[in-house]
């Protein structure tokens, strides 16, 4: 059950260790699966809820902890900080009896081998229970507390968008993300698959903008989805599903999918245009490419996978230019915070400028591999113009053979150089697309 590695943990002890790992700089997506295998199967849903919820509200919770703990905990005792954070999350946001929350959280101290902390955990949680109203009222004008967003990110979002849009983004970031599917049109139609879901008793509806998308009323394990193993459907957010149509694929084209892992868009491109000449998919990490390979195999699709740095053309490019390039650029992921709430803790203000520099570099390098007359789609899962429109504006100003092609669509809003989607309740994530055409030499200048 525990993978032969370690004995089983109580769910709150496991959650405390996951949260501590994030506070030390590890990602939630990397640590949660590891600890999921170390709790009873019946507790895995609760473990996910505790970890995601604590991360989602951590900017708020950390302010309360500073008021409730007289002396900051040492770095080696971050597991206790994680346990306290999970306890406060439950008291604030979960419908569990308060006495049960406190008792179970205090009991988890033993599982963490920190017996000295029993009194501390008990005192902090009971003090919060007694002082909750006063503590919350004290933070009524604290924007970081009220929004559960770090100050720098609040400023970035508020500076970028009108007040009502910024408020919408911030509120959506604190919601649970829906589970969205992409129907493989090579196997069945969307309506056929909706009928299959209905027969299986799974409530679902068609997405508004993607012709292949279905949103589930409640998340399910993929093993419960009809014909998932046979490649009839994949899990992919609606915003990401729009990439294939924006790329305007045609038959017999050579296509590049840069920064392709975990392969959702790679597979969708092949499903959308099965008659392309070739598809090269590159990613920096070989480990992440194994996920792409798994997805391709399940869907019975083929692509040429290369583990390489997209910027280092000599390491992977054979000199043959591509008709189409999808550049899903590394970004802040500020449009998918509801799926990765640890971004609020892990991302730092200086990261945005570093990412913008990297995005500019990779765009410039990949431009060399695009045929004249070809199309490159620049995409991010960010809502920050510094990673989106600003990058494209600088690029077209400096690149004489680059032209922005208007994306006519019902989704998102038009920006100066592309289209921006914002996270929607029970809908798509935040995403940005810009479509660039490479002019023939005779057209440029």
Protein backbone atom coordinates (compact mmCIF):
# COMPACT_ATOMS: atom_id res chain seq x y z
CA UNK A 1 0.00 0.00 0.00
CA UNK A 2 2.80 2.38 0.89
CA UNK A 3 4.85 1.29 -2.08
CA UNK A 4 7.13 -0.75 0.20
CA UNK A 5 8.87 2.47 1.10
CA UNK A 6 7.43 3.74 4.38
CA UNK A 7 4.66 2.91 6.80
CA UNK A 8 1.30 4.59 6.42
CA UNK A 9 0.81 8.13 7.69
CA UNK A 10 -2.24 9.78 9.14
CA UNK A 11 -3.82 12.08 6.57
CA UNK A 12 -3.02 15.25 8.54
CA UNK A 13 0.60 14.24 9.12
CA UNK A 14 0.94 13.61 5.38
CA UNK A 15 -0.64 16.97 4.56
CA UNK A 16 1.73 18.72 6.98
CA UNK A 17 4.74 17.21 5.22
CA UNK A 18 3.46 18.18 1.78
CA UNK A 19 2.86 21.78 2.91
CA UNK A 20 6.30 21.89 4.53
CA UNK A 21 7.87 20.70 1.28
CA UNK A 22 6.16 23.54 -0.61
CA UNK A 23 7.38 26.04 1.99
CA UNK A 24 10.88 24.71 1.28
CA UNK A 25 10.43 25.35 -2.44
CA UNK A 26 9.07 22.08 -3.83
CA UNK A 27 5.95 22.01 -5.99
CA UNK A 28 2.62 20.61 -4.85
CA UNK A 29 2.33 18.53 -8.02
CA UNK A 30 5.70 16.89 -7.26
CA UNK A 31 5.06 16.08 -3.59
CA UNK A 32 1.35 15.27 -3.34
CA UNK A 33 1.49 12.01 -5.38
CA UNK A 34 4.39 10.78 -3.23
CA UNK A 35 2.41 11.24 0.00
CA UNK A 36 -0.87 10.11 -1.54
CA UNK A 37 0.64 6.63 -1.71
CA UNK A 38 1.40 6.79 2.02
CA UNK A 39 -2.15 7.28 3.32
CA UNK A 40 -5.16 4.99 3.31
CA UNK A 41 -6.95 5.00 -0.04
CA UNK A 42 -10.12 6.31 1.61
CA UNK A 43 -8.17 9.36 2.87
CA UNK A 44 -6.62 10.43 -0.42
CA UNK A 45 -9.45 12.81 -1.31
CA UNK A 46 -9.13 14.49 2.09
CA UNK A 47 -5.35 14.73 1.68
CA UNK A 48 -5.76 16.53 -1.62
CA UNK A 49 -8.38 18.86 -0.14
CA UNK A 50 -6.13 19.71 2.83
CA UNK A 51 -3.08 20.38 0.66
CA UNK A 52 -4.84 22.34 -2.07
CA UNK A 53 -6.99 24.29 0.37
CA UNK A 54 -4.09 25.19 2.64
CA UNK A 55 -2.04 26.42 -0.31
CA UNK A 56 -5.00 28.31 -1.76
CA UNK A 57 -5.49 30.28 1.46
CA UNK A 58 -1.91 30.28 2.74
CA UNK A 59 -1.30 34.05 2.29
CA UNK A 60 -4.24 34.49 4.67
CA UNK A 61 -3.29 31.66 7.01
CA UNK A 62 0.34 32.80 7.34
CA UNK A 63 -0.82 36.20 8.64
CA UNK A 64 -2.89 34.47 11.32
CA UNK A 65 0.01 32.21 12.30
CA UNK A 66 2.28 35.21 12.84
CA UNK A 67 -0.24 36.57 15.32
CA UNK A 68 -0.82 33.25 17.06
CA UNK A 69 2.80 32.00 17.38
CA UNK A 70 4.97 34.13 19.64
CA UNK A 71 8.29 32.77 18.37
CA UNK A 72 8.76 31.80 14.68
CA UNK A 73 9.34 28.10 14.12
CA UNK A 74 12.76 26.96 12.93
CA UNK A 75 13.21 25.83 9.34
CA UNK A 76 13.68 22.24 10.48
CA UNK A 77 10.24 22.39 12.11
CA UNK A 78 8.30 23.55 9.06
CA UNK A 79 6.25 20.34 9.34
CA UNK A 80 4.66 21.84 12.47
CA UNK A 81 4.03 25.07 10.58
CA UNK A 82 2.44 22.99 7.83
CA UNK A 83 0.32 21.12 10.36
CA UNK A 84 -0.87 24.35 11.98
CA UNK A 85 -1.65 25.81 8.56
CA UNK A 86 -3.76 22.74 7.70
CA UNK A 87 -5.53 23.03 11.06
CA UNK A 88 -6.39 26.69 10.48
CA UNK A 89 -7.56 25.93 6.95
CA UNK A 90 -9.99 23.35 8.32
CA UNK A 91 -11.29 25.69 11.01
CA UNK A 92 -11.77 28.49 8.49
CA UNK A 93 -13.04 26.70 5.43
CA UNK A 94 -14.12 23.09 6.07
CA UNK A 95 -17.33 21.69 7.50
CA UNK A 96 -15.76 19.43 10.09
CA UNK A 97 -16.59 19.65 13.79
CA UNK A 98 -14.05 21.98 15.42
CA UNK A 99 -13.27 19.61 18.29
CA UNK A 100 -12.51 16.85 15.78
CA UNK A 101 -10.22 19.15 13.77
CA UNK A 102 -8.24 20.15 16.85
CA UNK A 103 -8.01 16.61 18.28
CA UNK A 104 -6.92 15.04 14.99
CA UNK A 105 -4.42 17.82 14.26
CA UNK A 106 -2.85 17.54 17.72
CA UNK A 107 -2.68 13.75 17.35
CA UNK A 108 -0.76 14.14 14.08
CA UNK A 109 2.15 15.69 16.01
CA UNK A 110 3.13 12.21 17.22
CA UNK A 111 3.20 10.89 13.65
CA UNK A 112 5.58 13.73 12.78
CA UNK A 113 7.94 12.73 15.60
CA UNK A 114 7.66 16.16 17.23
CA UNK A 115 6.14 15.32 20.65
CA UNK A 116 7.32 18.66 22.05
CA UNK A 117 4.90 20.46 19.70
CA UNK A 118 1.70 18.91 21.06
CA UNK A 119 1.09 21.74 23.52
CA UNK A 120 1.95 24.39 20.92
CA UNK A 121 -0.43 23.00 18.29
CA UNK A 122 -3.23 22.60 20.83
CA UNK A 123 -2.73 26.14 22.19
CA UNK A 124 -2.54 27.82 18.77
CA UNK A 125 -5.69 26.16 17.45
CA UNK A 126 -7.69 26.73 20.62
CA UNK A 127 -6.56 30.36 20.79
CA UNK A 128 -7.71 30.84 17.22
CA UNK A 129 -11.01 29.19 18.06
CA UNK A 130 -11.54 31.64 20.94
CA UNK A 131 -10.24 34.77 19.17
CA UNK A 132 -11.38 34.07 15.61
CA UNK A 133 -13.77 37.00 15.29
CA UNK A 134 -11.28 39.56 16.62
CA UNK A 135 -8.41 38.17 14.53
CA UNK A 136 -10.46 38.31 11.33
CA UNK A 137 -11.81 41.79 12.06
CA UNK A 138 -8.25 43.02 12.59
CA UNK A 139 -7.49 42.08 8.95
CA UNK A 140 -10.62 43.59 7.42
CA UNK A 141 -8.61 46.22 5.50
CA UNK A 142 -5.66 43.98 4.64
CA UNK A 143 -5.87 43.25 0.90
CA UNK A 144 -3.38 40.37 1.12
CA UNK A 145 -5.49 38.72 3.81
CA UNK A 146 -8.84 39.36 2.14
CA UNK A 147 -7.75 38.11 -1.29
CA UNK A 148 -5.27 35.43 -0.18
CA UNK A 149 -2.78 36.72 -2.76
CA UNK A 150 0.77 37.95 -2.17
CA UNK A 151 1.11 41.73 -2.32
CA UNK A 152 3.33 41.78 -5.43
CA UNK A 153 0.93 39.62 -7.42
CA UNK A 154 -2.06 41.73 -6.40
CA UNK A 155 -0.22 44.80 -7.65
CA UNK A 156 0.68 43.15 -10.96
CA UNK A 157 -2.92 42.09 -11.62
CA UNK A 158 -4.42 45.41 -10.49
CA UNK A 159 -1.94 47.40 -12.59
CA UNK A 160 -2.63 45.30 -15.68
CA UNK A 161 -6.43 45.26 -15.79
CA UNK A 162 -9.50 47.41 -14.99
CA UNK A 163 -10.79 47.04 -11.43
CA UNK A 164 -13.68 44.70 -12.23
CA UNK A 165 -11.47 42.43 -14.36
CA UNK A 166 -8.75 42.31 -11.70
CA UNK A 167 -11.31 41.44 -9.02
CA UNK A 168 -12.69 38.69 -11.25
CA UNK A 169 -9.23 37.16 -11.79
CA UNK A 170 -8.42 37.24 -8.08
CA UNK A 171 -11.76 35.69 -7.08
CA UNK A 172 -11.46 32.96 -9.73
CA UNK A 173 -7.95 32.10 -8.51
CA UNK A 174 -9.45 31.09 -5.16
CA UNK A 175 -12.01 28.72 -6.68
CA UNK A 176 -11.67 25.04 -7.41
CA UNK A 177 -10.89 24.39 -11.06
CA UNK A 178 -13.35 22.29 -13.08
CA UNK A 179 -12.36 19.00 -14.68
CA UNK A 180 -12.52 19.43 -18.44
CA UNK A 181 -12.16 16.77 -21.12
CA UNK A 182 -11.16 16.88 -24.78
CA UNK A 183 -12.93 14.38 -27.00
CA UNK A 184 -10.74 12.57 -29.53
CA UNK A 185 -12.64 13.26 -32.75
CA UNK A 186 -10.74 10.47 -34.50
CA UNK A 187 -12.64 8.01 -32.28
CA UNK A 188 -16.05 9.59 -31.59
CA UNK A 189 -18.04 12.82 -31.60
CA UNK A 190 -18.57 15.06 -28.60
CA UNK A 191 -22.27 14.20 -28.50
CA UNK A 192 -21.50 10.48 -28.62
CA UNK A 193 -19.19 10.85 -25.66
CA UNK A 194 -21.70 12.98 -23.75
CA UNK A 195 -24.17 10.15 -24.27
CA UNK A 196 -21.61 7.65 -22.91
CA UNK A 197 -21.10 9.81 -19.83
CA UNK A 198 -24.85 10.05 -19.29
CA UNK A 199 -25.17 6.26 -19.51
CA UNK A 200 -22.42 5.97 -16.91
CA UNK A 201 -24.27 8.37 -14.62
CA UNK A 202 -21.64 11.12 -14.97
CA UNK A 203 -23.12 14.61 -15.24
CA UNK A 204 -21.39 16.74 -17.87
CA UNK A 205 -21.98 19.45 -20.47
CA UNK A 206 -20.39 20.77 -23.64
CA UNK A 207 -17.86 23.61 -23.28
CA UNK A 208 -18.78 26.97 -24.75
CA UNK A 209 -15.71 27.71 -26.87
CA UNK A 210 -13.95 24.45 -27.71
CA UNK A 211 -15.78 22.19 -30.16
CA UNK A 212 -14.13 19.15 -28.56
CA UNK A 213 -14.55 20.10 -24.90
CA UNK A 214 -16.71 18.67 -22.12
CA UNK A 215 -16.81 19.94 -18.54
CA UNK A 216 -17.73 17.52 -15.77
CA UNK A 217 -20.09 18.58 -13.01
CA UNK A 218 -17.71 16.95 -10.51
CA UNK A 219 -14.14 15.71 -10.88
CA UNK A 220 -13.65 11.98 -11.39
CA UNK A 221 -10.73 9.61 -11.49
CA UNK A 222 -9.93 8.96 -15.15
CA UNK A 223 -10.44 5.23 -14.52
CA UNK A 224 -14.17 6.02 -14.18
CA UNK A 225 -14.39 7.70 -17.59
CA UNK A 226 -15.81 5.49 -20.38
CA UNK A 227 -13.14 4.28 -22.82
CA UNK A 228 -10.46 6.53 -21.35
CA UNK A 229 -7.80 3.82 -21.64
CA UNK A 230 -8.86 3.29 -25.28
CA UNK A 231 -8.08 6.93 -26.13
CA UNK A 232 -11.61 8.26 -26.58
CA UNK A 233 -10.99 11.28 -24.39
CA UNK A 234 -8.23 13.22 -22.60
CA UNK A 235 -8.14 15.63 -19.67
CA UNK A 236 -7.35 19.15 -20.87
CA UNK A 237 -8.58 22.61 -19.95
CA UNK A 238 -10.79 24.37 -22.49
CA UNK A 239 -8.37 27.30 -22.92
CA UNK A 240 -5.54 24.93 -23.84
CA UNK A 241 -7.83 23.17 -26.34
CA UNK A 242 -8.04 26.37 -28.39
CA UNK A 243 -4.38 26.15 -29.47
CA UNK A 244 -5.07 23.73 -32.32
CA UNK A 245 -7.61 25.98 -34.04
CA UNK A 246 -5.48 29.11 -33.53
CA UNK A 247 -2.57 27.35 -35.27
CA UNK A 248 -4.62 26.91 -38.50
CA UNK A 249 -3.22 23.49 -39.38
CA UNK A 250 -3.34 22.11 -42.92
CA UNK A 251 -2.43 18.74 -44.40
CA UNK A 252 1.17 17.84 -45.33
CA UNK A 253 2.69 20.43 -43.01
CA UNK A 254 5.78 20.09 -40.87
CA UNK A 255 4.85 21.15 -37.33
CA UNK A 256 6.89 21.95 -34.22
CA UNK A 257 5.47 21.79 -30.71
CA UNK A 258 8.00 23.55 -28.48
CA UNK A 259 7.97 23.08 -24.68
CA UNK A 260 5.47 20.28 -25.27
CA UNK A 261 5.17 18.40 -21.95
CA UNK A 262 2.90 16.92 -20.69
CA UNK A 263 1.67 16.55 -24.26
CA UNK A 264 -1.97 17.60 -24.20
CA UNK A 265 -1.55 20.07 -27.03
CA UNK A 266 0.80 17.72 -28.91
CA UNK A 267 -1.90 15.07 -29.01
CA UNK A 268 -4.62 17.56 -29.87
CA UNK A 269 -2.65 18.84 -32.87
CA UNK A 270 -2.35 15.27 -34.18
CA UNK A 271 -6.04 14.59 -33.56
CA UNK A 272 -6.99 17.84 -35.31
CA UNK A 273 -4.84 17.25 -38.40
CA UNK A 274 -3.99 13.57 -38.84
CA UNK A 275 -2.62 14.24 -42.33
CA UNK A 276 0.30 16.46 -41.31
CA UNK A 277 3.67 15.47 -42.74
CA UNK A 278 5.44 15.40 -39.38
CA UNK A 279 5.28 16.69 -35.83
CA UNK A 280 8.42 17.33 -33.79
CA UNK A 281 7.79 17.80 -30.06
CA UNK A 282 10.60 19.04 -27.83
CA UNK A 283 10.92 19.55 -24.10
CA UNK A 284 13.87 20.24 -21.84
CA UNK A 285 13.27 17.42 -19.38
CA UNK A 286 13.45 13.76 -20.50
CA UNK A 287 11.32 12.80 -17.46
CA UNK A 288 8.50 15.04 -18.66
CA UNK A 289 8.75 13.62 -22.17
CA UNK A 290 7.83 10.20 -20.79
CA UNK A 291 4.39 11.69 -19.97
CA UNK A 292 4.09 12.84 -23.58
CA UNK A 293 4.99 9.33 -24.76
CA UNK A 294 2.33 7.81 -22.49
CA UNK A 295 -0.34 10.13 -23.85
CA UNK A 296 0.64 9.45 -27.46
CA UNK A 297 0.59 5.69 -26.88
CA UNK A 298 -2.85 5.73 -25.23
CA UNK A 299 -4.26 7.77 -28.12
CA UNK A 300 -2.43 5.71 -30.79
CA UNK A 301 -0.64 8.79 -32.15
CA UNK A 302 2.92 9.36 -33.28
CA UNK A 303 5.34 12.27 -32.98
CA UNK A 304 9.11 12.70 -33.01
CA UNK A 305 10.04 13.46 -29.40
CA UNK A 306 13.29 15.23 -28.55
CA UNK A 307 14.69 16.06 -25.12
CA UNK A 308 16.45 19.35 -25.78
CA UNK A 309 16.70 23.03 -24.94
CA UNK A 310 14.53 24.79 -27.52
CA UNK A 311 17.02 27.67 -27.51
CA UNK A 312 19.92 25.42 -28.50
CA UNK A 313 18.99 24.87 -32.14
CA UNK A 314 22.15 22.93 -32.94
CA UNK A 315 21.18 20.24 -30.42
CA UNK A 316 17.88 19.29 -32.07
CA UNK A 317 17.10 21.13 -35.33
CA UNK A 318 18.08 19.58 -38.66
CA UNK A 319 17.72 22.85 -40.62
CA UNK A 320 14.38 21.98 -42.25
CA UNK A 321 11.97 24.84 -41.51
CA UNK A 322 8.49 24.31 -40.12
CA UNK A 323 5.14 25.38 -41.57
CA UNK A 324 3.62 25.77 -38.11
CA UNK A 325 5.12 26.28 -34.65
CA UNK A 326 3.32 26.18 -31.34
CA UNK A 327 5.39 27.86 -28.63
CA UNK A 328 3.77 27.22 -25.26
CA UNK A 329 6.28 29.42 -23.48
CA UNK A 330 7.43 28.82 -19.88
CA UNK A 331 5.59 31.41 -17.78
CA UNK A 332 4.42 32.44 -14.33
CA UNK A 333 1.30 30.24 -14.65
CA UNK A 334 -0.66 33.15 -13.15
CA UNK A 335 -3.69 32.05 -15.19
CA UNK A 336 -3.85 28.59 -13.59
CA UNK A 337 -3.38 29.43 -9.92
CA UNK A 338 -6.62 27.64 -9.04
CA UNK A 339 -5.04 24.42 -10.41
CA UNK A 340 -1.64 25.14 -8.83
CA UNK A 341 -2.30 27.23 -5.71
CA UNK A 342 1.29 26.74 -4.53
CA UNK A 343 2.21 29.35 -7.18
CA UNK A 344 1.19 31.92 -4.56
CA UNK A 345 4.05 30.72 -2.37
CA UNK A 346 6.64 29.57 -4.91
CA UNK A 347 6.53 32.41 -7.44
CA UNK A 348 8.54 35.54 -6.59
CA UNK A 349 8.36 39.11 -8.02
CA UNK A 350 11.76 38.85 -9.72
CA UNK A 351 10.60 35.74 -11.59
CA UNK A 352 8.44 37.76 -14.00
CA UNK A 353 11.35 39.73 -15.49
CA UNK A 354 13.46 36.55 -15.73
CA UNK A 355 10.63 34.75 -17.47
CA UNK A 356 10.05 37.65 -19.86
CA UNK A 357 13.71 37.56 -20.85
CA UNK A 358 13.53 33.80 -21.41
CA UNK A 359 10.30 34.12 -23.42
CA UNK A 360 11.85 36.75 -25.70
CA UNK A 361 14.92 34.59 -26.26
CA UNK A 362 13.07 31.41 -27.13
CA UNK A 363 10.68 33.26 -29.45
CA UNK A 364 13.58 34.86 -31.32
CA UNK A 365 15.46 31.58 -31.65
CA UNK A 366 12.48 29.53 -32.83
CA UNK A 367 11.57 32.20 -35.37
CA UNK A 368 14.62 31.07 -37.38
CA UNK A 369 13.07 27.62 -37.78
CA UNK A 370 9.80 28.92 -39.29
CA UNK A 371 9.29 28.96 -43.06
CA UNK A 372 8.45 32.24 -44.81
CA UNK A 373 4.65 32.24 -45.00
CA UNK A 374 4.49 30.02 -41.92
CA UNK A 375 2.61 30.69 -38.68
CA UNK A 376 3.88 30.67 -35.11
CA UNK A 377 1.45 30.73 -32.20
CA UNK A 378 2.83 32.12 -28.95
CA UNK A 379 0.88 30.90 -25.92
CA UNK A 380 1.12 31.21 -22.14
CA UNK A 381 -1.08 30.32 -19.19
CA UNK A 382 -0.48 33.80 -17.77
CA UNK A 383 -2.73 36.82 -17.26
CA UNK A 384 0.20 39.25 -17.00
CA UNK A 385 0.87 41.48 -20.05
CA UNK A 386 4.60 41.48 -19.22
CA UNK A 387 4.67 37.86 -20.40
CA UNK A 388 2.14 38.27 -23.19
CA UNK A 389 1.39 41.38 -25.23
CA UNK A 390 4.57 43.14 -24.10
CA UNK A 391 6.69 40.26 -25.40
CA UNK A 392 4.96 40.26 -28.78
CA UNK A 393 5.12 44.07 -29.08
CA UNK A 394 8.88 44.05 -28.53
CA UNK A 395 9.33 41.13 -30.91
CA UNK A 396 7.44 42.58 -33.89
CA UNK A 397 9.20 45.91 -33.36
CA UNK A 398 12.58 44.23 -33.63
CA UNK A 399 11.76 41.51 -36.18
CA UNK A 400 11.17 43.01 -39.64
CA UNK A 401 9.57 39.84 -41.08
CA UNK A 402 7.03 39.27 -38.27
CA UNK A 403 3.38 40.25 -38.58
CA UNK A 404 0.60 39.78 -36.03
CA UNK A 405 -2.45 38.01 -37.47
CA UNK A 406 -5.76 38.89 -35.83
CA UNK A 407 -7.47 36.05 -33.98
CA UNK A 408 -11.19 36.36 -34.60
CA UNK A 409 -12.96 34.47 -31.82
CA UNK A 410 -15.86 34.51 -29.38
CA UNK A 411 -13.56 33.69 -26.47
CA UNK A 412 -11.42 36.02 -24.41
CA UNK A 413 -10.79 39.68 -25.18
CA UNK A 414 -8.79 41.20 -28.00
CA UNK A 415 -5.50 42.79 -26.95
CA UNK A 416 -3.15 44.84 -29.13
CA UNK A 417 -1.29 41.72 -30.27
CA UNK A 418 -3.44 38.69 -29.42
CA UNK A 419 -6.31 37.44 -27.26
CA UNK A 420 -6.44 37.05 -23.49
CA UNK A 421 -8.67 34.60 -21.65
CA UNK A 422 -9.37 35.03 -17.96
CA UNK A 423 -10.20 32.18 -15.56
CA UNK A 424 -13.95 31.57 -15.51
CA UNK A 425 -16.08 29.87 -12.84
CA UNK A 426 -16.58 26.28 -13.99
CA UNK A 427 -14.99 27.30 -17.28
CA UNK A 428 -11.62 27.89 -18.92
CA UNK A 429 -8.32 28.83 -17.30
CA UNK A 430 -6.47 32.09 -17.88
CA UNK A 431 -4.56 31.88 -21.16
CA UNK A 432 -3.00 34.10 -23.83
CA UNK A 433 -2.56 33.52 -27.56
CA UNK A 434 -0.81 35.54 -30.25
CA UNK A 435 -0.64 34.39 -33.88
CA UNK A 436 2.37 35.56 -35.91
CA UNK A 437 3.02 35.16 -39.63
CA UNK A 438 6.51 35.14 -41.11
CA UNK A 439 6.54 37.39 -44.14
CA UNK A 440 8.22 36.41 -47.39
CA UNK A 441 11.33 38.47 -48.09
CA UNK A 442 9.47 40.38 -50.80
CA UNK A 443 6.68 41.27 -48.34
CA UNK A 444 8.90 42.53 -45.52
CA UNK A 445 10.36 46.01 -45.36
